[in-house]
Amino acid sequence: MKLNKTNEFFLTNNTIETIQNIRDRFLKNPLAIVLLLTMSLNLVIAPAVMAASGNEITKNTAYAIAILYCVTIALSIYLFTVIFQPERF
């Protein structure tokens, strides 16, 4: 990105191509999107777990509980889909 004469940002062709390349890779690989969303959700859940438990558990344990929570939710969504739409599988 560069500044033009009015000090506004504008995107160069190379930057636009890079953004499109990243977007295409994410769309081709849904696992990457799932991992990104899970890690982002984990950043929200882990501090809430720590706040609810006080000083009884460590930071690593809070993050582990949050990851298990995310996996449990993902598994329940998957099983719900398999049960109600078996023809897709």
PDB file of N, CA and C in Angstrom:
ATOM      1  N   MET A   1       0.843  -1.174   0.000  1.00  0.00           N
ATOM      2  CA  MET A   1       0.000   0.000   0.000  1.00  0.00           C
ATOM      3  C   MET A   1       0.888   1.237   0.000  1.00  0.00           C
ATOM      4  N   LYS A   2       0.427   2.226  -0.705  1.00  0.00           N
ATOM      5  CA  LYS A   2       1.177   3.469  -0.804  1.00  0.00           C
ATOM      6  C   LYS A   2       0.258   4.639  -0.484  1.00  0.00           C
ATOM      7  N   LEU A   3       0.887   5.760  -0.203  1.00  0.00           N
ATOM      8  CA  LEU A   3       0.138   6.990   0.009  1.00  0.00           C
ATOM      9  C   LEU A   3       0.151   7.798  -1.276  1.00  0.00           C
ATOM     10  N   ASN A   4      -1.008   8.318  -1.674  1.00  0.00           N
ATOM     11  CA  ASN A   4      -1.017   9.212  -2.820  1.00  0.00           C
ATOM     12  C   ASN A   4      -0.873  10.648  -2.321  1.00  0.00           C
ATOM     13  N   LYS A   5      -1.065  11.611  -3.201  1.00  0.00           N
ATOM     14  CA  LYS A   5      -0.802  13.003  -2.836  1.00  0.00           C
ATOM     15  C   LYS A   5      -1.737  13.523  -1.744  1.00  0.00           C
ATOM     16  N   THR A   6      -2.902  12.928  -1.612  1.00  0.00           N
ATOM     17  CA  THR A   6      -3.836  13.390  -0.579  1.00  0.00           C
ATOM     18  C   THR A   6      -3.735  12.542   0.684  1.00  0.00           C
ATOM     19  N   ASN A   7      -2.631  11.786   0.812  1.00  0.00           N
ATOM     20  CA  ASN A   7      -2.365  10.946   1.983  1.00  0.00           C
ATOM     21  C   ASN A   7      -3.445   9.890   2.219  1.00  0.00           C
ATOM     22  N   GLU A   8      -4.007   9.347   1.139  1.00  0.00           N
ATOM     23  CA  GLU A   8      -4.971   8.264   1.244  1.00  0.00           C
ATOM     24  C   GLU A   8      -4.302   6.974   0.791  1.00  0.00           C
ATOM     25  N   PHE A   9      -4.687   5.887   1.414  1.00  0.00           N
ATOM     26  CA  PHE A   9      -4.150   4.588   1.025  1.00  0.00           C
ATOM     27  C   PHE A   9      -4.832   4.114  -0.251  1.00  0.00           C
ATOM     28  N   PHE A  10      -4.067   3.508  -1.136  1.00  0.00           N
ATOM     29  CA  PHE A  10      -4.660   2.815  -2.265  1.00  0.00           C
ATOM     30  C   PHE A  10      -3.895   1.526  -2.468  1.00  0.00           C
ATOM     31  N   LEU A  11      -4.584   0.524  -2.978  1.00  0.00           N
ATOM     32  CA  LEU A  11      -4.001  -0.797  -3.132  1.00  0.00           C
ATOM     33  C   LEU A  11      -3.348  -0.930  -4.502  1.00  0.00           C
ATOM     34  N   THR A  12      -2.149  -1.468  -4.520  1.00  0.00           N
ATOM     35  CA  THR A  12      -1.489  -1.743  -5.788  1.00  0.00           C
ATOM     36  C   THR A  12      -2.017  -3.054  -6.347  1.00  0.00           C
ATOM     37  N   ASN A  13      -1.713  -3.322  -7.605  1.00  0.00           N
ATOM     38  CA  ASN A  13      -2.169  -4.564  -8.234  1.00  0.00           C
ATOM     39  C   ASN A  13      -1.606  -5.776  -7.515  1.00  0.00           C
ATOM     40  N   ASN A  14      -0.365  -5.687  -7.058  1.00  0.00           N
ATOM     41  CA  ASN A  14       0.256  -6.808  -6.361  1.00  0.00           C
ATOM     42  C   ASN A  14      -0.472  -7.104  -5.049  1.00  0.00           C
ATOM     43  N   THR A  15      -0.875  -6.080  -4.343  1.00  0.00           N
ATOM     44  CA  THR A  15      -1.597  -6.269  -3.084  1.00  0.00           C
ATOM     45  C   THR A  15      -2.962  -6.897  -3.332  1.00  0.00           C
ATOM     46  N   ILE A  16      -3.643  -6.434  -4.375  1.00  0.00           N
ATOM     47  CA  ILE A  16      -4.955  -6.992  -4.710  1.00  0.00           C
ATOM     48  C   ILE A  16      -4.828  -8.455  -5.096  1.00  0.00           C
ATOM     49  N   GLU A  17      -3.807  -8.791  -5.881  1.00  0.00           N
ATOM     50  CA  GLU A  17      -3.583 -10.188  -6.267  1.00  0.00           C
ATOM     51  C   GLU A  17      -3.280 -11.053  -5.045  1.00  0.00           C
ATOM     52  N   THR A  18      -2.520 -10.525  -4.112  1.00  0.00           N
ATOM     53  CA  THR A  18      -2.203 -11.269  -2.894  1.00  0.00           C
ATOM     54  C   THR A  18      -3.462 -11.541  -2.081  1.00  0.00           C
ATOM     55  N   ILE A  19      -4.308 -10.543  -1.929  1.00  0.00           N
ATOM     56  CA  ILE A  19      -5.560 -10.712  -1.191  1.00  0.00           C
ATOM     57  C   ILE A  19      -6.453 -11.736  -1.881  1.00  0.00           C
ATOM     58  N   GLN A  20      -6.539 -11.673  -3.211  1.00  0.00           N
ATOM     59  CA  GLN A  20      -7.351 -12.647  -3.948  1.00  0.00           C
ATOM     60  C   GLN A  20      -6.782 -14.050  -3.814  1.00  0.00           C
ATOM     61  N   ASN A  21      -5.467 -14.176  -3.813  1.00  0.00           N
ATOM     62  CA  ASN A  21      -4.829 -15.484  -3.663  1.00  0.00           C
ATOM     63  C   ASN A  21      -5.138 -16.080  -2.290  1.00  0.00           C
ATOM     64  N   ILE A  22      -5.052 -15.276  -1.250  1.00  0.00           N
ATOM     65  CA  ILE A  22      -5.367 -15.753   0.102  1.00  0.00           C
ATOM     66  C   ILE A  22      -6.830 -16.177   0.178  1.00  0.00           C
ATOM     67  N   ARG A  23      -7.718 -15.371  -0.389  1.00  0.00           N
ATOM     68  CA  ARG A  23      -9.144 -15.705  -0.384  1.00  0.00           C
ATOM     69  C   ARG A  23      -9.410 -17.015  -1.128  1.00  0.00           C
ATOM     70  N   ASP A  24      -8.781 -17.203  -2.289  1.00  0.00           N
ATOM     71  CA  ASP A  24      -8.970 -18.436  -3.057  1.00  0.00           C
ATOM     72  C   ASP A  24      -8.469 -19.655  -2.295  1.00  0.00           C
ATOM     73  N   ARG A  25      -7.355 -19.521  -1.616  1.00  0.00           N
ATOM     74  CA  ARG A  25      -6.831 -20.646  -0.838  1.00  0.00           C
ATOM     75  C   ARG A  25      -7.757 -20.999   0.319  1.00  0.00           C
ATOM     76  N   PHE A  26      -8.333 -20.002   0.963  1.00  0.00           N
ATOM     77  CA  PHE A  26      -9.269 -20.275   2.048  1.00  0.00           C
ATOM     78  C   PHE A  26     -10.527 -20.952   1.525  1.00  0.00           C
ATOM     79  N   LEU A  27     -11.008 -20.541   0.352  1.00  0.00           N
ATOM     80  CA  LEU A  27     -12.223 -21.138  -0.186  1.00  0.00           C
ATOM     81  C   LEU A  27     -11.996 -22.569  -0.651  1.00  0.00           C
ATOM     82  N   LYS A  28     -10.785 -22.887  -1.101  1.00  0.00           N
ATOM     83  CA  LYS A  28     -10.486 -24.244  -1.550  1.00  0.00           C
ATOM     84  C   LYS A  28     -10.270 -25.188  -0.381  1.00  0.00           C
ATOM     85  N   ASN A  29      -9.863 -24.672   0.755  1.00  0.00           N
ATOM     86  CA  ASN A  29      -9.558 -25.509   1.911  1.00  0.00           C
ATOM     87  C   ASN A  29     -10.422 -25.076   3.098  1.00  0.00           C
ATOM     88  N   PRO A  30     -11.595 -25.688   3.254  1.00  0.00           N
ATOM     89  CA  PRO A  30     -12.470 -25.262   4.355  1.00  0.00           C
ATOM     90  C   PRO A  30     -11.905 -25.584   5.738  1.00  0.00           C
ATOM     91  N   LEU A  31     -10.976 -26.531   5.816  1.00  0.00           N
ATOM     92  CA  LEU A  31     -10.374 -26.845   7.111  1.00  0.00           C
ATOM     93  C   LEU A  31      -9.620 -25.633   7.659  1.00  0.00           C
ATOM     94  N   ALA A  32      -8.997 -24.871   6.788  1.00  0.00           N
ATOM     95  CA  ALA A  32      -8.283 -23.673   7.226  1.00  0.00           C
ATOM     96  C   ALA A  32      -9.241 -22.659   7.843  1.00  0.00           C
ATOM     97  N   ILE A  33     -10.405 -22.522   7.246  1.00  0.00           N
ATOM     98  CA  ILE A  33     -11.396 -21.597   7.795  1.00  0.00           C
ATOM     99  C   ILE A  33     -11.872 -22.080   9.160  1.00  0.00           C
ATOM    100  N   VAL A  34     -12.112 -23.372   9.268  1.00  0.00           N
ATOM    101  CA  VAL A  34     -12.579 -23.937  10.536  1.00  0.00           C
ATOM    102  C   VAL A  34     -11.530 -23.741  11.625  1.00  0.00           C
ATOM    103  N   LEU A  35     -10.277 -24.004  11.306  1.00  0.00           N
ATOM    104  CA  LEU A  35      -9.214 -23.821  12.300  1.00  0.00           C
ATOM    105  C   LEU A  35      -9.075 -22.360  12.705  1.00  0.00           C
ATOM    106  N   LEU A  36      -9.162 -21.460  11.740  1.00  0.00           N
ATOM    107  CA  LEU A  36      -9.071 -20.034  12.047  1.00  0.00           C
ATOM    108  C   LEU A  36     -10.217 -19.600  12.955  1.00  0.00           C
ATOM    109  N   LEU A  37     -11.426 -20.015  12.631  1.00  0.00           N
ATOM    110  CA  LEU A  37     -12.573 -19.639  13.456  1.00  0.00           C
ATOM    111  C   LEU A  37     -12.507 -20.269  14.842  1.00  0.00           C
ATOM    112  N   THR A  38     -12.029 -21.509  14.916  1.00  0.00           N
ATOM    113  CA  THR A  38     -11.903 -22.171  16.217  1.00  0.00           C
ATOM    114  C   THR A  38     -10.883 -21.463  17.098  1.00  0.00           C
ATOM    115  N   MET A  39      -9.756 -21.102  16.520  1.00  0.00           N
ATOM    116  CA  MET A  39      -8.736 -20.401  17.304  1.00  0.00           C
ATOM    117  C   MET A  39      -9.232 -19.021  17.729  1.00  0.00           C
ATOM    118  N   SER A  40      -9.971 -18.351  16.844  1.00  0.00           N
ATOM    119  CA  SER A  40     -10.513 -17.044  17.200  1.00  0.00           C
ATOM    120  C   SER A  40     -11.557 -17.165  18.306  1.00  0.00           C
ATOM    121  N   LEU A  41     -12.404 -18.177  18.187  1.00  0.00           N
ATOM    122  CA  LEU A  41     -13.405 -18.401  19.221  1.00  0.00           C
ATOM    123  C   LEU A  41     -12.751 -18.778  20.541  1.00  0.00           C
ATOM    124  N   ASN A  42     -11.653 -19.496  20.451  1.00  0.00           N
ATOM    125  CA  ASN A  42     -10.927 -19.900  21.655  1.00  0.00           C
ATOM    126  C   ASN A  42     -10.383 -18.681  22.406  1.00  0.00           C
ATOM    127  N   LEU A  43     -10.000 -17.646  21.676  1.00  0.00           N
ATOM    128  CA  LEU A  43      -9.512 -16.429  22.325  1.00  0.00           C
ATOM    129  C   LEU A  43     -10.608 -15.729  23.119  1.00  0.00           C
ATOM    130  N   VAL A  44     -11.851 -15.980  22.761  1.00  0.00           N
ATOM    131  CA  VAL A  44     -12.970 -15.391  23.492  1.00  0.00           C
ATOM    132  C   VAL A  44     -13.385 -16.276  24.666  1.00  0.00           C
ATOM    133  N   ILE A  45     -13.377 -17.590  24.436  1.00  0.00           N
ATOM    134  CA  ILE A  45     -13.889 -18.519  25.449  1.00  0.00           C
ATOM    135  C   ILE A  45     -12.916 -18.706  26.613  1.00  0.00           C
ATOM    136  N   ALA A  46     -11.623 -18.815  26.325  1.00  0.00           N
ATOM    137  CA  ALA A  46     -10.646 -19.115  27.379  1.00  0.00           C
ATOM    138  C   ALA A  46     -10.625 -18.064  28.497  1.00  0.00           C
ATOM    139  N   PRO A  47     -10.616 -16.775  28.194  1.00  0.00           N
ATOM    140  CA  PRO A  47     -10.669 -15.807  29.302  1.00  0.00           C
ATOM    141  C   PRO A  47     -11.968 -15.889  30.105  1.00  0.00           C
ATOM    142  N   ALA A  48     -13.069 -16.238  29.436  1.00  0.00           N
ATOM    143  CA  ALA A  48     -14.330 -16.393  30.163  1.00  0.00           C
ATOM    144  C   ALA A  48     -14.262 -17.581  31.118  1.00  0.00           C
ATOM    145  N   VAL A  49     -13.614 -18.662  30.684  1.00  0.00           N
ATOM    146  CA  VAL A  49     -13.441 -19.828  31.556  1.00  0.00           C
ATOM    147  C   VAL A  49     -12.578 -19.457  32.750  1.00  0.00           C
ATOM    148  N   MET A  50     -11.506 -18.712  32.506  1.00  0.00           N
ATOM    149  CA  MET A  50     -10.626 -18.301  33.609  1.00  0.00           C
ATOM    150  C   MET A  50     -11.356 -17.382  34.583  1.00  0.00           C
ATOM    151  N   ALA A  51     -12.179 -16.474  34.046  1.00  0.00           N
ATOM    152  CA  ALA A  51     -12.902 -15.552  34.915  1.00  0.00           C
ATOM    153  C   ALA A  51     -13.944 -16.279  35.756  1.00  0.00           C
ATOM    154  N   ALA A  52     -14.562 -17.291  35.171  1.00  0.00           N
ATOM    155  CA  ALA A  52     -15.593 -18.027  35.904  1.00  0.00           C
ATOM    156  C   ALA A  52     -15.003 -18.915  36.990  1.00  0.00           C
ATOM    157  N   SER A  53     -13.769 -19.372  36.788  1.00  0.00           N
ATOM    158  CA  SER A  53     -13.182 -20.301  37.754  1.00  0.00           C
ATOM    159  C   SER A  53     -12.317 -19.613  38.804  1.00  0.00           C
ATOM    160  N   GLY A  54     -12.013 -18.375  38.605  1.00  0.00           N
ATOM    161  CA  GLY A  54     -11.148 -17.682  39.554  1.00  0.00           C
ATOM    162  C   GLY A  54      -9.707 -18.118  39.376  1.00  0.00           C
ATOM    163  N   ASN A  55      -8.996 -18.290  40.464  1.00  0.00           N
ATOM    164  CA  ASN A  55      -7.587 -18.686  40.406  1.00  0.00           C
ATOM    165  C   ASN A  55      -7.392 -20.190  40.566  1.00  0.00           C
ATOM    166  N   GLU A  56      -8.451 -20.952  40.434  1.00  0.00           N
ATOM    167  CA  GLU A  56      -8.361 -22.389  40.661  1.00  0.00           C
ATOM    168  C   GLU A  56      -7.668 -23.136  39.528  1.00  0.00           C
ATOM    169  N   ILE A  57      -7.745 -22.625  38.306  1.00  0.00           N
ATOM    170  CA  ILE A  57      -7.109 -23.310  37.177  1.00  0.00           C
ATOM    171  C   ILE A  57      -6.089 -22.385  36.526  1.00  0.00           C
ATOM    172  N   THR A  58      -5.142 -22.998  35.821  1.00  0.00           N
ATOM    173  CA  THR A  58      -4.095 -22.216  35.166  1.00  0.00           C
ATOM    174  C   THR A  58      -4.568 -21.741  33.801  1.00  0.00           C
ATOM    175  N   LYS A  59      -3.758 -20.898  33.205  1.00  0.00           N
ATOM    176  CA  LYS A  59      -4.078 -20.363  31.886  1.00  0.00           C
ATOM    177  C   LYS A  59      -4.116 -21.477  30.844  1.00  0.00           C
ATOM    178  N   ASN A  60      -3.156 -22.398  30.902  1.00  0.00           N
ATOM    179  CA  ASN A  60      -3.121 -23.502  29.938  1.00  0.00           C
ATOM    180  C   ASN A  60      -4.352 -24.390  30.069  1.00  0.00           C
ATOM    181  N   THR A  61      -4.787 -24.628  31.274  1.00  0.00           N
ATOM    182  CA  THR A  61      -5.977 -25.445  31.487  1.00  0.00           C
ATOM    183  C   THR A  61      -7.217 -24.751  30.932  1.00  0.00           C
ATOM    184  N   ALA A  62      -7.301 -23.446  31.096  1.00  0.00           N
ATOM    185  CA  ALA A  62      -8.440 -22.699  30.559  1.00  0.00           C
ATOM    186  C   ALA A  62      -8.484 -22.794  29.042  1.00  0.00           C
ATOM    187  N   TYR A  63      -7.319 -22.678  28.401  1.00  0.00           N
ATOM    188  CA  TYR A  63      -7.289 -22.803  26.945  1.00  0.00           C
ATOM    189  C   TYR A  63      -7.640 -24.219  26.509  1.00  0.00           C
ATOM    190  N   ALA A  64      -7.205 -25.226  27.255  1.00  0.00           N
ATOM    191  CA  ALA A  64      -7.549 -26.615  26.925  1.00  0.00           C
ATOM    192  C   ALA A  64      -9.051 -26.849  27.053  1.00  0.00           C
ATOM    193  N   ILE A  65      -9.657 -26.306  28.085  1.00  0.00           N
ATOM    194  CA  ILE A  65     -11.107 -26.438  28.256  1.00  0.00           C
ATOM    195  C   ILE A  65     -11.832 -25.743  27.109  1.00  0.00           C
ATOM    196  N   ALA A  66     -11.354 -24.583  26.703  1.00  0.00           N
ATOM    197  CA  ALA A  66     -11.986 -23.862  25.598  1.00  0.00           C
ATOM    198  C   ALA A  66     -11.859 -24.631  24.288  1.00  0.00           C
ATOM    199  N   ILE A  67     -10.704 -25.256  24.050  1.00  0.00           N
ATOM    200  CA  ILE A  67     -10.532 -26.060  22.834  1.00  0.00           C
ATOM    201  C   ILE A  67     -11.474 -27.258  22.867  1.00  0.00           C
ATOM    202  N   LEU A  68     -11.589 -27.915  24.005  1.00  0.00           N
ATOM    203  CA  LEU A  68     -12.522 -29.037  24.123  1.00  0.00           C
ATOM    204  C   LEU A  68     -13.959 -28.591  23.886  1.00  0.00           C
ATOM    205  N   TYR A  69     -14.300 -27.407  24.359  1.00  0.00           N
ATOM    206  CA  TYR A  69     -15.633 -26.867  24.123  1.00  0.00           C
ATOM    207  C   TYR A  69     -15.870 -26.663  22.628  1.00  0.00           C
ATOM    208  N   CYS A  70     -14.892 -26.085  21.930  1.00  0.00           N
ATOM    209  CA  CYS A  70     -15.023 -25.863  20.483  1.00  0.00           C
ATOM    210  C   CYS A  70     -15.145 -27.181  19.729  1.00  0.00           C
ATOM    211  N   VAL A  71     -14.360 -28.175  20.111  1.00  0.00           N
ATOM    212  CA  VAL A  71     -14.431 -29.489  19.462  1.00  0.00           C
ATOM    213  C   VAL A  71     -15.786 -30.136  19.724  1.00  0.00           C
ATOM    214  N   THR A  72     -16.298 -30.008  20.928  1.00  0.00           N
ATOM    215  CA  THR A  72     -17.604 -30.574  21.260  1.00  0.00           C
ATOM    216  C   THR A  72     -18.707 -29.936  20.426  1.00  0.00           C
ATOM    217  N   ILE A  73     -18.679 -28.636  20.290  1.00  0.00           N
ATOM    218  CA  ILE A  73     -19.676 -27.938  19.476  1.00  0.00           C
ATOM    219  C   ILE A  73     -19.565 -28.366  18.016  1.00  0.00           C
ATOM    220  N   ALA A  74     -18.339 -28.448  17.483  1.00  0.00           N
ATOM    221  CA  ALA A  74     -18.145 -28.859  16.090  1.00  0.00           C
ATOM    222  C   ALA A  74     -18.631 -30.285  15.864  1.00  0.00           C
ATOM    223  N   LEU A  75     -18.344 -31.172  16.791  1.00  0.00           N
ATOM    224  CA  LEU A  75     -18.785 -32.561  16.667  1.00  0.00           C
ATOM    225  C   LEU A  75     -20.307 -32.666  16.732  1.00  0.00           C
ATOM    226  N   SER A  76     -20.928 -31.896  17.592  1.00  0.00           N
ATOM    227  CA  SER A  76     -22.390 -31.947  17.677  1.00  0.00           C
ATOM    228  C   SER A  76     -23.036 -31.400  16.405  1.00  0.00           C
ATOM    229  N   ILE A  77     -22.462 -30.361  15.813  1.00  0.00           N
ATOM    230  CA  ILE A  77     -22.982 -29.841  14.542  1.00  0.00           C
ATOM    231  C   ILE A  77     -22.824 -30.880  13.441  1.00  0.00           C
ATOM    232  N   TYR A  78     -21.672 -31.529  13.395  1.00  0.00           N
ATOM    233  CA  TYR A  78     -21.433 -32.568  12.392  1.00  0.00           C
ATOM    234  C   TYR A  78     -22.425 -33.719  12.555  1.00  0.00           C
ATOM    235  N   LEU A  79     -22.609 -34.201  13.773  1.00  0.00           N
ATOM    236  CA  LEU A  79     -23.531 -35.311  13.999  1.00  0.00           C
ATOM    237  C   LEU A  79     -24.974 -34.912  13.699  1.00  0.00           C
ATOM    238  N   PHE A  80     -25.346 -33.699  14.024  1.00  0.00           N
ATOM    239  CA  PHE A  80     -26.673 -33.197  13.681  1.00  0.00           C
ATOM    240  C   PHE A  80     -26.877 -33.230  12.171  1.00  0.00           C
ATOM    241  N   THR A  81     -25.870 -32.811  11.418  1.00  0.00           N
ATOM    242  CA  THR A  81     -25.946 -32.822   9.958  1.00  0.00           C
ATOM    243  C   THR A  81     -26.035 -34.245   9.423  1.00  0.00           C
ATOM    244  N   VAL A  82     -25.240 -35.148   9.963  1.00  0.00           N
ATOM    245  CA  VAL A  82     -25.246 -36.538   9.498  1.00  0.00           C
ATOM    246  C   VAL A  82     -26.585 -37.209   9.795  1.00  0.00           C
ATOM    247  N   ILE A  83     -27.170 -36.922  10.936  1.00  0.00           N
ATOM    248  CA  ILE A  83     -28.438 -37.555  11.298  1.00  0.00           C
ATOM    249  C   ILE A  83     -29.582 -37.041  10.426  1.00  0.00           C
ATOM    250  N   PHE A  84     -29.631 -35.737  10.188  1.00  0.00           N
ATOM    251  CA  PHE A  84     -30.766 -35.168   9.469  1.00  0.00           C
ATOM    252  C   PHE A  84     -30.563 -35.063   7.963  1.00  0.00           C
ATOM    253  N   GLN A  85     -29.355 -35.256   7.464  1.00  0.00           N
ATOM    254  CA  GLN A  85     -29.094 -35.256   6.024  1.00  0.00           C
ATOM    255  C   GLN A  85     -28.184 -36.422   5.659  1.00  0.00           C
ATOM    256  N   PRO A  86     -28.611 -37.653   5.864  1.00  0.00           N
ATOM    257  CA  PRO A  86     -27.718 -38.791   5.611  1.00  0.00           C
ATOM    258  C   PRO A  86     -27.402 -38.992   4.134  1.00  0.00           C
ATOM    259  N   GLU A  87     -28.231 -38.478   3.238  1.00  0.00           N
ATOM    260  CA  GLU A  87     -27.970 -38.676   1.814  1.00  0.00           C
ATOM    261  C   GLU A  87     -26.716 -37.937   1.340  1.00  0.00           C
ATOM    262  N   ARG A  88     -26.279 -36.966   2.068  1.00  0.00           N
ATOM    263  CA  ARG A  88     -25.048 -36.251   1.702  1.00  0.00           C
ATOM    264  C   ARG A  88     -23.810 -37.082   1.993  1.00  0.00           C
ATOM    265  N   PHE A  89     -23.939 -38.069   2.874  1.00  0.00           N
ATOM    266  CA  PHE A  89     -22.794 -38.865   3.276  1.00  0.00           C
ATOM    267  C   PHE A  89     -22.981 -40.266   2.783  1.00  0.00           C
TER     268      PHE A  89
END
